[in-house]
C-alpha atoms as a PDB file:
ATOM      1  CA  MET A   1     -19.961  33.928  40.451  1.00  0.00           C
ATOM      2  CA  ARG A   2     -18.302  31.375  38.164  1.00  0.00           C
ATOM      3  CA  PHE A   3     -14.916  33.038  38.826  1.00  0.00           C
ATOM      4  CA  PHE A   4     -15.490  32.832  42.587  1.00  0.00           C
ATOM      5  CA  SER A   5     -16.410  29.130  42.326  1.00  0.00           C
ATOM      6  CA  LEU A   6     -13.257  28.391  40.327  1.00  0.00           C
ATOM      7  CA  LEU A   7     -11.179  30.313  42.844  1.00  0.00           C
ATOM      8  CA  LEU A   8     -12.751  28.385  45.702  1.00  0.00           C
ATOM      9  CA  ILE A   9     -12.098  25.045  43.956  1.00  0.00           C
ATOM     10  CA  SER A  10      -8.480  26.044  43.320  1.00  0.00           C
ATOM     11  CA  PHE A  11      -8.048  27.088  46.956  1.00  0.00           C
ATOM     12  CA  CYS A  12      -9.527  23.824  48.224  1.00  0.00           C
ATOM     13  CA  THR A  13      -7.342  21.840  45.831  1.00  0.00           C
ATOM     14  CA  VAL A  14      -4.208  23.616  47.060  1.00  0.00           C
ATOM     15  CA  MET A  15      -5.178  23.082  50.684  1.00  0.00           C
ATOM     16  CA  THR A  16      -5.953  19.413  50.020  1.00  0.00           C
ATOM     17  CA  LEU A  17      -2.622  18.863  48.284  1.00  0.00           C
ATOM     18  CA  SER A  18      -0.888  20.749  51.079  1.00  0.00           C
ATOM     19  CA  GLY A  19      -2.561  18.498  53.609  1.00  0.00           C
ATOM     20  CA  ILE A  20      -1.512  15.381  51.679  1.00  0.00           C
ATOM     21  CA  THR A  21       2.067  16.674  51.571  1.00  0.00           C
ATOM     22  CA  SER A  22       2.055  17.364  55.299  1.00  0.00           C
ATOM     23  CA  ILE A  23       0.754  13.884  56.044  1.00  0.00           C
ATOM     24  CA  ALA A  24       3.342  12.323  53.750  1.00  0.00           C
ATOM     25  CA  LEU A  25       6.132  14.264  55.418  1.00  0.00           C
ATOM     26  CA  ALA A  26       4.837  13.435  58.882  1.00  0.00           C
ATOM     27  CA  GLU A  27       4.895   9.723  58.055  1.00  0.00           C
ATOM     28  CA  GLN A  28       8.468   9.633  56.797  1.00  0.00           C
ATOM     29  CA  PRO A  29      10.364   6.961  58.743  1.00  0.00           C
ATOM     30  CA  ILE A  30      13.152   7.835  61.161  1.00  0.00           C
ATOM     31  CA  LYS A  31      16.539   7.536  59.422  1.00  0.00           C
ATOM     32  CA  ILE A  32      19.193   5.620  61.372  1.00  0.00           C
ATOM     33  CA  VAL A  33      22.700   4.697  60.208  1.00  0.00           C
ATOM     34  CA  GLY A  34      25.908   3.452  61.812  1.00  0.00           C
ATOM     35  CA  SER A  35      27.432   0.541  63.695  1.00  0.00           C
ATOM     36  CA  SER A  36      26.853  -3.092  62.745  1.00  0.00           C
ATOM     37  CA  THR A  37      27.440  -4.026  66.406  1.00  0.00           C
ATOM     38  CA  VAL A  38      24.598  -1.779  67.579  1.00  0.00           C
ATOM     39  CA  TYR A  39      22.382  -2.797  64.636  1.00  0.00           C
ATOM     40  CA  PRO A  40      20.732  -5.879  66.280  1.00  0.00           C
ATOM     41  CA  PHE A  41      19.775  -3.788  69.304  1.00  0.00           C
ATOM     42  CA  ALA A  42      18.470  -0.888  67.220  1.00  0.00           C
ATOM     43  CA  LYS A  43      16.514  -3.316  65.023  1.00  0.00           C
ATOM     44  CA  ALA A  44      14.792  -4.875  68.038  1.00  0.00           C
ATOM     45  CA  VAL A  45      13.903  -1.426  69.398  1.00  0.00           C
ATOM     46  CA  ALA A  46      12.670  -0.237  65.979  1.00  0.00           C
ATOM     47  CA  GLU A  47      10.338  -3.219  65.658  1.00  0.00           C
ATOM     48  CA  ALA A  48       8.936  -2.800  69.176  1.00  0.00           C
ATOM     49  CA  PHE A  49       8.512   0.968  68.651  1.00  0.00           C
ATOM     50  CA  SER A  50       6.652   0.511  65.366  1.00  0.00           C
ATOM     51  CA  GLU A  51       4.418  -2.216  66.744  1.00  0.00           C
ATOM     52  CA  LYS A  52       3.488  -0.213  69.852  1.00  0.00           C
ATOM     53  CA  THR A  53       2.990   3.201  68.230  1.00  0.00           C
ATOM     54  CA  GLY A  54       1.909   2.423  64.670  1.00  0.00           C
ATOM     55  CA  HIS A  55       4.644   4.673  63.289  1.00  0.00           C
ATOM     56  CA  PRO A  56       6.568   3.475  60.231  1.00  0.00           C
ATOM     57  CA  LEU A  57       9.449   1.125  60.879  1.00  0.00           C
ATOM     58  CA  PRO A  58      12.640   3.229  61.053  1.00  0.00           C
ATOM     59  CA  GLU A  59      15.080   2.907  58.152  1.00  0.00           C
ATOM     60  CA  LEU A  60      18.187   1.181  59.500  1.00  0.00           C
ATOM     61  CA  THR A  61      21.364   1.170  57.412  1.00  0.00           C
ATOM     62  CA  THR A  62      24.653  -0.449  58.449  1.00  0.00           C
ATOM     63  CA  THR A  63      27.513   1.875  57.518  1.00  0.00           C
ATOM     64  CA  GLY A  64      29.975   1.326  60.363  1.00  0.00           C
ATOM     65  CA  SER A  65      30.443   3.823  63.189  1.00  0.00           C
ATOM     66  CA  GLY A  66      32.803   6.078  61.245  1.00  0.00           C
ATOM     67  CA  GLY A  67      30.689   5.962  58.101  1.00  0.00           C
ATOM     68  CA  GLY A  68      27.540   6.699  60.081  1.00  0.00           C
ATOM     69  CA  LEU A  69      29.041   9.687  61.867  1.00  0.00           C
ATOM     70  CA  LYS A  70      30.259  11.069  58.550  1.00  0.00           C
ATOM     71  CA  LEU A  71      26.714  10.918  57.142  1.00  0.00           C
ATOM     72  CA  PHE A  72      25.184  12.202  60.373  1.00  0.00           C
ATOM     73  CA  CYS A  73      27.544  15.201  60.501  1.00  0.00           C
ATOM     74  CA  ALA A  74      27.138  16.073  56.823  1.00  0.00           C
ATOM     75  CA  GLY A  75      24.388  18.586  57.587  1.00  0.00           C
ATOM     76  CA  ASN A  76      20.825  19.159  58.729  1.00  0.00           C
ATOM     77  CA  SER A  77      18.917  18.615  55.494  1.00  0.00           C
ATOM     78  CA  PRO A  78      15.964  16.183  55.712  1.00  0.00           C
ATOM     79  CA  ASP A  79      17.824  13.518  53.748  1.00  0.00           C
ATOM     80  CA  THR A  80      20.563  13.240  56.394  1.00  0.00           C
ATOM     81  CA  PRO A  81      20.205  10.741  59.282  1.00  0.00           C
ATOM     82  CA  ASP A  82      18.308  11.579  62.458  1.00  0.00           C
ATOM     83  CA  ILE A  83      20.343   9.090  64.504  1.00  0.00           C
ATOM     84  CA  THR A  84      23.676   7.349  64.128  1.00  0.00           C
ATOM     85  CA  ASN A  85      24.668   4.272  66.127  1.00  0.00           C
ATOM     86  CA  ALA A  86      28.275   3.896  67.265  1.00  0.00           C
ATOM     87  CA  SER A  87      30.329   1.144  68.857  1.00  0.00           C
ATOM     88  CA  ARG A  88      32.763   3.766  70.129  1.00  0.00           C
ATOM     89  CA  ARG A  89      32.509   7.347  71.305  1.00  0.00           C
ATOM     90  CA  ILE A  90      32.404  10.163  68.752  1.00  0.00           C
ATOM     91  CA  LYS A  91      35.860  11.588  67.945  1.00  0.00           C
ATOM     92  CA  ARG A  92      36.781  15.240  68.305  1.00  0.00           C
ATOM     93  CA  SER A  93      37.271  15.527  64.534  1.00  0.00           C
ATOM     94  CA  GLU A  94      33.755  14.155  63.954  1.00  0.00           C
ATOM     95  CA  TYR A  95      32.255  16.483  66.539  1.00  0.00           C
ATOM     96  CA  ASP A  96      33.994  19.430  64.834  1.00  0.00           C
ATOM     97  CA  LEU A  97      32.639  18.320  61.449  1.00  0.00           C
ATOM     98  CA  CYS A  98      29.116  18.310  62.883  1.00  0.00           C
ATOM     99  CA  GLN A  99      29.574  21.821  64.276  1.00  0.00           C
ATOM    100  CA  LYS A 100      30.999  23.066  60.973  1.00  0.00           C
ATOM    101  CA  ASN A 101      28.019  21.693  59.033  1.00  0.00           C
ATOM    102  CA  GLY A 102      25.350  23.107  61.341  1.00  0.00           C
ATOM    103  CA  VAL A 103      24.684  19.999  63.424  1.00  0.00           C
ATOM    104  CA  THR A 104      25.333  21.932  66.592  1.00  0.00           C
ATOM    105  CA  LYS A 105      23.078  20.231  69.140  1.00  0.00           C
ATOM    106  CA  ILE A 106      23.899  16.545  69.482  1.00  0.00           C
ATOM    107  CA  LEU A 107      22.560  14.279  72.202  1.00  0.00           C
ATOM    108  CA  GLU A 108      24.929  11.491  73.217  1.00  0.00           C
ATOM    109  CA  ILE A 109      23.135   8.439  74.606  1.00  0.00           C
ATOM    110  CA  LYS A 110      25.163   5.532  75.942  1.00  0.00           C
ATOM    111  CA  ILE A 111      23.070   2.358  75.706  1.00  0.00           C
ATOM    112  CA  GLY A 112      25.185  -0.246  77.499  1.00  0.00           C
ATOM    113  CA  TYR A 113      28.347  -2.286  77.183  1.00  0.00           C
ATOM    114  CA  ASP A 114      29.785  -4.868  74.841  1.00  0.00           C
ATOM    115  CA  GLY A 115      33.109  -6.625  74.416  1.00  0.00           C
ATOM    116  CA  ILE A 116      35.194  -7.166  71.312  1.00  0.00           C
ATOM    117  CA  VAL A 117      35.925 -10.849  70.928  1.00  0.00           C
ATOM    118  CA  LEU A 118      38.282 -12.947  68.889  1.00  0.00           C
ATOM    119  CA  ALA A 119      36.284 -16.037  68.090  1.00  0.00           C
ATOM    120  CA  ASN A 120      36.666 -19.148  66.004  1.00  0.00           C
ATOM    121  CA  ALA A 121      34.686 -22.252  65.116  1.00  0.00           C
ATOM    122  CA  LYS A 122      33.776 -24.629  67.931  1.00  0.00           C
ATOM    123  CA  ALA A 123      35.788 -27.408  66.256  1.00  0.00           C
ATOM    124  CA  ALA A 124      38.952 -25.277  66.013  1.00  0.00           C
ATOM    125  CA  PRO A 125      41.739 -25.189  68.634  1.00  0.00           C
ATOM    126  CA  ASP A 126      41.328 -23.085  71.777  1.00  0.00           C
ATOM    127  CA  PHE A 127      43.222 -19.802  71.952  1.00  0.00           C
ATOM    128  CA  GLN A 128      44.593 -18.027  75.010  1.00  0.00           C
ATOM    129  CA  LEU A 129      46.092 -14.768  73.794  1.00  0.00           C
ATOM    130  CA  THR A 130      47.678 -11.676  75.251  1.00  0.00           C
ATOM    131  CA  THR A 131      47.357  -8.176  73.844  1.00  0.00           C
ATOM    132  CA  ARG A 132      51.108  -8.354  73.135  1.00  0.00           C
ATOM    133  CA  GLU A 133      50.562 -11.437  70.969  1.00  0.00           C
ATOM    134  CA  LEU A 134      47.650  -9.780  69.185  1.00  0.00           C
ATOM    135  CA  TYR A 135      49.836  -6.793  68.334  1.00  0.00           C
ATOM    136  CA  LEU A 136      52.607  -9.064  67.021  1.00  0.00           C
ATOM    137  CA  ALA A 137      50.121 -11.079  64.948  1.00  0.00           C
ATOM    138  CA  LEU A 138      48.257  -8.200  63.344  1.00  0.00           C
ATOM    139  CA  ALA A 139      50.373  -5.033  63.172  1.00  0.00           C
ATOM    140  CA  ALA A 140      51.932  -4.040  59.850  1.00  0.00           C
ATOM    141  CA  GLN A 141      55.277  -3.408  61.519  1.00  0.00           C
ATOM    142  CA  VAL A 142      56.613  -5.038  64.679  1.00  0.00           C
ATOM    143  CA  PRO A 143      59.843  -4.888  66.702  1.00  0.00           C
ATOM    144  CA  ASN A 144      62.747  -6.831  65.235  1.00  0.00           C
ATOM    145  CA  PRO A 145      63.149 -10.055  67.247  1.00  0.00           C
ATOM    146  CA  ASP A 146      66.888  -9.326  67.536  1.00  0.00           C
ATOM    147  CA  ASN A 147      66.011  -6.649  70.147  1.00  0.00           C
ATOM    148  CA  SER A 148      67.709  -3.961  68.052  1.00  0.00           C
ATOM    149  CA  GLY A 149      64.939  -1.489  68.846  1.00  0.00           C
ATOM    150  CA  LYS A 150      63.896  -1.229  65.202  1.00  0.00           C
ATOM    151  CA  LEU A 151      60.631  -1.944  63.415  1.00  0.00           C
ATOM    152  CA  ILE A 152      60.425  -4.439  60.553  1.00  0.00           C
ATOM    153  CA  PRO A 153      57.566  -5.607  58.288  1.00  0.00           C
ATOM    154  CA  ASN A 154      55.605  -8.228  60.190  1.00  0.00           C
ATOM    155  CA  PRO A 155      57.400 -11.574  59.659  1.00  0.00           C
ATOM    156  CA  TYR A 156      54.952 -13.759  61.584  1.00  0.00           C
ATOM    157  CA  VAL A 157      52.766 -16.053  59.503  1.00  0.00           C
ATOM    158  CA  ARG A 158      51.923 -18.724  62.106  1.00  0.00           C
ATOM    159  CA  TRP A 159      50.685 -18.291  65.665  1.00  0.00           C
ATOM    160  CA  ALA A 160      53.352 -20.625  67.054  1.00  0.00           C
ATOM    161  CA  GLN A 161      56.087 -18.339  65.720  1.00  0.00           C
ATOM    162  CA  ILE A 162      54.894 -15.709  68.184  1.00  0.00           C
ATOM    163  CA  ASN A 163      54.516 -18.119  71.091  1.00  0.00           C
ATOM    164  CA  PRO A 164      55.244 -21.865  70.824  1.00  0.00           C
ATOM    165  CA  ASP A 165      52.359 -22.507  73.233  1.00  0.00           C
ATOM    166  CA  LEU A 166      49.882 -21.187  70.666  1.00  0.00           C
ATOM    167  CA  PRO A 167      48.387 -23.494  67.991  1.00  0.00           C
ATOM    168  CA  ASP A 168      50.755 -24.099  65.076  1.00  0.00           C
ATOM    169  CA  MET A 169      48.315 -22.629  62.559  1.00  0.00           C
ATOM    170  CA  THR A 170      48.507 -19.960  59.872  1.00  0.00           C
ATOM    171  CA  ILE A 171      47.428 -16.547  61.127  1.00  0.00           C
ATOM    172  CA  GLU A 172      44.096 -15.766  59.459  1.00  0.00           C
ATOM    173  CA  VAL A 173      41.987 -13.095  61.123  1.00  0.00           C
ATOM    174  CA  LEU A 174      38.780 -11.706  59.624  1.00  0.00           C
ATOM    175  CA  GLY A 175      38.024  -8.212  60.836  1.00  0.00           C
ATOM    176  CA  PRO A 176      36.160  -4.985  60.163  1.00  0.00           C
ATOM    177  CA  PRO A 177      37.224  -2.175  57.782  1.00  0.00           C
ATOM    178  CA  THR A 178      38.534   1.276  58.677  1.00  0.00           C
ATOM    179  CA  THR A 179      35.016   2.759  58.868  1.00  0.00           C
ATOM    180  CA  SER A 180      34.103   0.426  61.735  1.00  0.00           C
ATOM    181  CA  GLY A 181      33.927   1.484  65.371  1.00  0.00           C
ATOM    182  CA  THR A 182      34.797  -2.080  66.325  1.00  0.00           C
ATOM    183  CA  ARG A 183      38.082  -1.708  64.475  1.00  0.00           C
ATOM    184  CA  ASP A 184      38.796   1.622  66.161  1.00  0.00           C
ATOM    185  CA  ALA A 185      38.052   0.178  69.582  1.00  0.00           C
ATOM    186  CA  PHE A 186      40.051  -2.989  68.904  1.00  0.00           C
ATOM    187  CA  SER A 187      43.044  -0.924  67.809  1.00  0.00           C
ATOM    188  CA  GLU A 188      42.886   1.146  70.988  1.00  0.00           C
ATOM    189  CA  LEU A 189      42.127  -1.643  73.455  1.00  0.00           C
ATOM    190  CA  ALA A 190      44.212  -4.479  72.019  1.00  0.00           C
ATOM    191  CA  LEU A 191      46.930  -3.136  69.729  1.00  0.00           C
ATOM    192  CA  ASP A 192      47.821  -0.054  71.786  1.00  0.00           C
ATOM    193  CA  GLN A 193      48.082  -2.140  74.923  1.00  0.00           C
ATOM    194  CA  GLY A 194      50.141  -4.817  73.209  1.00  0.00           C
ATOM    195  CA  CYS A 195      52.412  -2.203  71.687  1.00  0.00           C
ATOM    196  CA  GLN A 196      53.140  -0.714  75.092  1.00  0.00           C
ATOM    197  CA  GLU A 197      54.516  -4.041  76.273  1.00  0.00           C
ATOM    198  CA  PHE A 198      57.679  -2.932  74.479  1.00  0.00           C
ATOM    199  CA  PRO A 199      59.219  -0.177  76.650  1.00  0.00           C
ATOM    200  CA  TRP A 200      60.843   1.702  73.761  1.00  0.00           C
ATOM    201  CA  LEU A 201      57.514   1.877  71.921  1.00  0.00           C
ATOM    202  CA  LYS A 202      55.825   3.081  75.098  1.00  0.00           C
ATOM    203  CA  GLN A 203      58.353   5.916  75.187  1.00  0.00           C
ATOM    204  CA  ILE A 204      57.246   6.969  71.687  1.00  0.00           C
ATOM    205  CA  LYS A 205      53.717   7.443  73.037  1.00  0.00           C
ATOM    206  CA  LYS A 206      55.003   9.863  75.673  1.00  0.00           C
ATOM    207  CA  ARG A 207      56.862  11.918  73.051  1.00  0.00           C
ATOM    208  CA  ASP A 208      54.571  11.728  70.041  1.00  0.00           C
ATOM    209  CA  LYS A 209      51.097  10.167  70.327  1.00  0.00           C
ATOM    210  CA  SER A 210      50.458  10.527  66.596  1.00  0.00           C
ATOM    211  CA  SER A 211      53.552   8.503  65.683  1.00  0.00           C
ATOM    212  CA  PHE A 212      52.690   5.926  68.333  1.00  0.00           C
ATOM    213  CA  ARG A 213      49.187   5.432  66.896  1.00  0.00           C
ATOM    214  CA  LYS A 214      50.577   5.094  63.385  1.00  0.00           C
ATOM    215  CA  VAL A 215      53.066   2.458  64.473  1.00  0.00           C
ATOM    216  CA  CYS A 216      50.753   0.515  66.743  1.00  0.00           C
ATOM    217  CA  ARG A 217      47.370   0.733  65.041  1.00  0.00           C
ATOM    218  CA  THR A 218      48.308   0.168  61.408  1.00  0.00           C
ATOM    219  CA  LEU A 219      47.135  -3.334  60.559  1.00  0.00           C
ATOM    220  CA  ARG A 220      49.004  -5.569  58.153  1.00  0.00           C
ATOM    221  CA  THR A 221      47.816  -5.809  54.545  1.00  0.00           C
ATOM    222  CA  ASP A 222      49.728  -8.915  53.449  1.00  0.00           C
ATOM    223  CA  GLY A 223      46.755 -11.283  53.654  1.00  0.00           C
ATOM    224  CA  TYR A 224      46.959 -12.452  57.265  1.00  0.00           C
ATOM    225  CA  PHE A 225      44.461  -9.833  58.434  1.00  0.00           C
ATOM    226  CA  ILE A 226      41.480  -9.756  56.070  1.00  0.00           C
ATOM    227  CA  GLU A 227      38.957  -6.920  55.928  1.00  0.00           C
ATOM    228  CA  ALA A 228      35.682  -8.815  55.847  1.00  0.00           C
ATOM    229  CA  GLY A 229      33.203  -5.932  55.602  1.00  0.00           C
ATOM    230  CA  GLU A 230      30.942  -4.056  57.999  1.00  0.00           C
ATOM    231  CA  ARG A 231      28.526  -6.892  58.728  1.00  0.00           C
ATOM    232  CA  ASP A 232      29.561  -8.913  61.766  1.00  0.00           C
ATOM    233  CA  ASP A 233      27.028 -11.617  60.910  1.00  0.00           C
ATOM    234  CA  LEU A 234      28.882 -12.356  57.661  1.00  0.00           C
ATOM    235  CA  ILE A 235      32.168 -12.744  59.552  1.00  0.00           C
ATOM    236  CA  VAL A 236      30.390 -15.251  61.809  1.00  0.00           C
ATOM    237  CA  GLU A 237      29.179 -17.187  58.749  1.00  0.00           C
ATOM    238  CA  ASN A 238      32.678 -17.259  57.258  1.00  0.00           C
ATOM    239  CA  LEU A 239      34.166 -18.703  60.461  1.00  0.00           C
ATOM    240  CA  GLN A 240      31.922 -21.740  60.147  1.00  0.00           C
ATOM    241  CA  LYS A 241      33.279 -22.305  56.632  1.00  0.00           C
ATOM    242  CA  SER A 242      36.928 -21.643  57.608  1.00  0.00           C
ATOM    243  CA  PRO A 243      37.784 -23.452  60.869  1.00  0.00           C
ATOM    244  CA  GLN A 244      41.353 -22.130  60.724  1.00  0.00           C
ATOM    245  CA  ALA A 245      40.220 -18.494  60.770  1.00  0.00           C
ATOM    246  CA  MET A 246      39.476 -16.214  63.694  1.00  0.00           C
ATOM    247  CA  GLY A 247      37.075 -13.285  63.596  1.00  0.00           C
ATOM    248  CA  ILE A 248      36.893  -9.930  65.362  1.00  0.00           C
ATOM    249  CA  PHE A 249      33.375  -8.730  66.266  1.00  0.00           C
ATOM    250  CA  GLY A 250      31.056  -7.765  69.102  1.00  0.00           C
ATOM    251  CA  TYR A 251      30.412 -10.116  72.024  1.00  0.00           C
ATOM    252  CA  ASN A 252      26.670 -10.168  71.337  1.00  0.00           C
ATOM    253  CA  PHE A 253      27.248 -12.162  68.121  1.00  0.00           C
ATOM    254  CA  LEU A 254      29.296 -14.748  70.043  1.00  0.00           C
ATOM    255  CA  ALA A 255      26.756 -14.962  72.865  1.00  0.00           C
ATOM    256  CA  ARG A 256      23.937 -15.690  70.424  1.00  0.00           C
ATOM    257  CA  ASP A 257      25.813 -18.415  68.537  1.00  0.00           C
ATOM    258  CA  ARG A 258      27.714 -20.464  71.110  1.00  0.00           C
ATOM    259  CA  GLU A 259      26.543 -23.620  69.353  1.00  0.00           C
ATOM    260  CA  HIS A 260      29.036 -22.887  66.559  1.00  0.00           C
ATOM    261  CA  LEU A 261      31.535 -20.397  68.040  1.00  0.00           C
ATOM    262  CA  LYS A 262      33.864 -19.942  70.986  1.00  0.00           C
ATOM    263  CA  GLY A 263      35.771 -16.878  72.152  1.00  0.00           C
ATOM    264  CA  ALA A 264      39.479 -16.617  72.863  1.00  0.00           C
ATOM    265  CA  ILE A 265      40.682 -15.846  76.374  1.00  0.00           C
ATOM    266  CA  VAL A 266      42.538 -12.505  76.387  1.00  0.00           C
ATOM    267  CA  ASN A 267      45.086 -11.677  79.102  1.00  0.00           C
ATOM    268  CA  GLY A 268      43.714 -14.582  81.110  1.00  0.00           C
ATOM    269  CA  ILE A 269      40.095 -13.326  81.060  1.00  0.00           C
ATOM    270  CA  LYS A 270      37.216 -15.033  79.297  1.00  0.00           C
ATOM    271  CA  PRO A 271      34.626 -12.759  77.618  1.00  0.00           C
ATOM    272  CA  SER A 272      31.301 -12.888  79.463  1.00  0.00           C
ATOM    273  CA  GLU A 273      28.573 -10.519  80.600  1.00  0.00           C
ATOM    274  CA  GLU A 274      30.157 -10.395  84.054  1.00  0.00           C
ATOM    275  CA  THR A 275      33.713  -9.634  82.868  1.00  0.00           C
ATOM    276  CA  ILE A 276      32.480  -7.058  80.357  1.00  0.00           C
ATOM    277  CA  ALA A 277      30.255  -5.306  82.912  1.00  0.00           C
ATOM    278  CA  SER A 278      33.131  -5.155  85.395  1.00  0.00           C
ATOM    279  CA  ALA A 279      35.613  -4.133  82.662  1.00  0.00           C
ATOM    280  CA  THR A 280      37.972  -6.906  83.756  1.00  0.00           C
ATOM    281  CA  TYR A 281      37.817  -8.288  80.227  1.00  0.00           C
ATOM    282  CA  PRO A 282      40.454  -6.124  78.478  1.00  0.00           C
ATOM    283  CA  LEU A 283      38.467  -5.570  75.286  1.00  0.00           C
ATOM    284  CA  SER A 284      35.315  -4.146  76.923  1.00  0.00           C
ATOM    285  CA  ARG A 285      33.748  -1.019  75.402  1.00  0.00           C
ATOM    286  CA  ALA A 286      30.645   1.172  75.586  1.00  0.00           C
ATOM    287  CA  LEU A 287      27.984   1.472  72.856  1.00  0.00           C
ATOM    288  CA  TYR A 288      26.196   4.711  71.892  1.00  0.00           C
ATOM    289  CA  PHE A 289      23.778   6.435  69.628  1.00  0.00           C
ATOM    290  CA  TYR A 290      23.772  10.122  68.688  1.00  0.00           C
ATOM    291  CA  VAL A 291      20.658  12.193  67.966  1.00  0.00           C
ATOM    292  CA  LYS A 292      20.130  15.556  66.297  1.00  0.00           C
ATOM    293  CA  ALA A 293      18.359  17.391  69.125  1.00  0.00           C
ATOM    294  CA  ASP A 294      16.513  19.794  66.826  1.00  0.00           C
ATOM    295  CA  ARG A 295      14.859  16.825  65.080  1.00  0.00           C
ATOM    296  CA  LEU A 296      13.060  15.726  68.256  1.00  0.00           C
ATOM    297  CA  ASP A 297      10.163  18.141  67.626  1.00  0.00           C
ATOM    298  CA  ARG A 298      10.287  17.840  63.830  1.00  0.00           C
ATOM    299  CA  VAL A 299      10.461  14.121  63.107  1.00  0.00           C
ATOM    300  CA  THR A 300       7.312  12.257  64.006  1.00  0.00           C
ATOM    301  CA  GLY A 301       7.954   9.369  66.364  1.00  0.00           C
ATOM    302  CA  LEU A 302      11.568  10.238  67.164  1.00  0.00           C
ATOM    303  CA  VAL A 303      10.843  10.994  70.832  1.00  0.00           C
ATOM    304  CA  ASP A 304       8.808   7.786  71.101  1.00  0.00           C
ATOM    305  CA  TYR A 305      11.650   5.763  69.575  1.00  0.00           C
ATOM    306  CA  ILE A 306      14.159   7.077  72.121  1.00  0.00           C
ATOM    307  CA  ASN A 307      11.667   6.559  74.955  1.00  0.00           C
ATOM    308  CA  GLU A 308      11.365   2.949  73.841  1.00  0.00           C
ATOM    309  CA  PHE A 309      15.141   2.510  73.677  1.00  0.00           C
ATOM    310  CA  THR A 310      15.733   3.989  77.126  1.00  0.00           C
ATOM    311  CA  SER A 311      12.938   2.251  79.010  1.00  0.00           C
ATOM    312  CA  ALA A 312      13.773  -0.235  81.776  1.00  0.00           C
ATOM    313  CA  GLU A 313      11.935  -2.958  79.848  1.00  0.00           C
ATOM    314  CA  THR A 314      14.341  -2.393  76.948  1.00  0.00           C
ATOM    315  CA  TRP A 315      17.861  -1.575  78.134  1.00  0.00           C
ATOM    316  CA  GLY A 316      17.534  -2.461  81.816  1.00  0.00           C
ATOM    317  CA  SER A 317      18.658  -5.621  83.551  1.00  0.00           C
ATOM    318  CA  GLY A 318      16.331  -8.333  82.278  1.00  0.00           C
ATOM    319  CA  GLY A 319      15.116  -6.106  79.433  1.00  0.00           C
ATOM    320  CA  TYR A 320      14.721  -7.497  75.947  1.00  0.00           C
ATOM    321  CA  LEU A 321      18.091  -6.068  74.830  1.00  0.00           C
ATOM    322  CA  SER A 322      19.868  -8.018  77.562  1.00  0.00           C
ATOM    323  CA  ARG A 323      18.381 -11.142  76.002  1.00  0.00           C
ATOM    324  CA  LEU A 324      20.270 -10.113  72.852  1.00  0.00           C
ATOM    325  CA  SER A 325      23.429  -9.926  75.020  1.00  0.00           C
ATOM    326  CA  LEU A 326      23.660  -6.179  75.514  1.00  0.00           C
ATOM    327  CA  VAL A 327      25.398  -5.754  78.884  1.00  0.00           C
ATOM    328  CA  PRO A 328      23.244  -3.254  80.827  1.00  0.00           C
ATOM    329  CA  MET A 329      24.607  -0.096  82.430  1.00  0.00           C
ATOM    330  CA  PRO A 330      24.309   0.455  86.187  1.00  0.00           C
ATOM    331  CA  LYS A 331      21.108   2.289  87.153  1.00  0.00           C
ATOM    332  CA  LYS A 332      23.011   5.507  87.887  1.00  0.00           C
ATOM    333  CA  GLU A 333      24.284   5.622  84.316  1.00  0.00           C
ATOM    334  CA  GLN A 334      20.827   4.865  82.959  1.00  0.00           C
ATOM    335  CA  GLN A 335      19.444   7.783  84.971  1.00  0.00           C
ATOM    336  CA  LEU A 336      22.219  10.049  83.686  1.00  0.00           C
ATOM    337  CA  TYR A 337      21.409   9.356  80.041  1.00  0.00           C
ATOM    338  CA  HIS A 338      17.678   9.596  80.721  1.00  0.00           C
ATOM    339  CA  GLN A 339      18.375  13.126  81.951  1.00  0.00           C
ATOM    340  CA  VAL A 340      20.481  13.930  78.871  1.00  0.00           C
ATOM    341  CA  PHE A 341      17.534  12.926  76.681  1.00  0.00           C
ATOM    342  CA  HIS A 342      14.650  14.410  78.637  1.00  0.00           C
ATOM    343  CA  ASP A 343      16.446  17.700  79.373  1.00  0.00           C
ATOM    344  CA  ARG A 344      17.957  17.734  75.870  1.00  0.00           C
ATOM    345  CA  ILE A 345      21.474  18.397  77.138  1.00  0.00           C
ATOM    346  CA  PRO A 346      23.746  18.699  74.089  1.00  0.00           C
ATOM    347  CA  LEU A 347      27.202  17.178  73.965  1.00  0.00           C
ATOM    348  CA  VAL A 348      29.888  19.813  74.550  1.00  0.00           C
ATOM    349  CA  TRP A 349      33.471  18.929  73.792  1.00  0.00           C
ATOM    350  CA  GLU A 350      35.714  20.253  76.532  1.00  0.00           C
END
């Protein structure tokens, strides 16, 4: 009888501990990494989700788009992220890494639009730039001014050397590091376009895209372009201390701090919600997050979090993310990504 009682106590103890473990696991917060541009939007959604559902506040870590996708695609173990935010679309190499490491079912959710801005302090001179001028100011190598058709190390140290109509100021641009989706998108939208203003460089793209990207997207490292870290908010702070500097970051940071900042006009277009939504602003881009589909039924609250993110009251016109300067998608696109989520349609690279 005593043996049976001890056995029963042991069994109950094991079941109790098992129950405690299950509860603890069920209450683990959602793990989210990735883009600093998407971070303010994800933070607002995380807070609303937690307040409405009582689930733990998701863990949000800013790693940059590239850094986040690297962590996300590292595998399916519980310590890897459930979601990664991205200020650009996933690359083929990143998708392949996910597949290789067993992250085979990925949901791609576009959340809206943003623009990359070049901004400076309100007290600083106004800038009207072209993508050609941006390429000449920031690339490591640029065409020799003697029109010899050769590349030379970037000789420009003042904006007026590139165009006498620009302010006669030292070039000082604070921007994101190589892990940042903003940097990737800026390189593609600004530097590639500026590079192609030179016909002989455009011909390189037709023959050898890899060589073209190396020539056009490699930023200078001689002190005139300064990697200022992943956090866009810190770049904004530094601009207020350095009125000569310009910064590269997402439009939403400019829109929320117009008291201290102003954005440069690019190719004759001023960054605004209207020009970004219409894609007339040349540095417009889409924002995304990526989800491990097999986590939807395993991570408590994950479905609720995505439902919160994709509700009309959140990402729709007039939703609380638009008040943070996310440019909403048209309703047809919203419906498309709702379907991707609700039908769990995995991304397939064609």
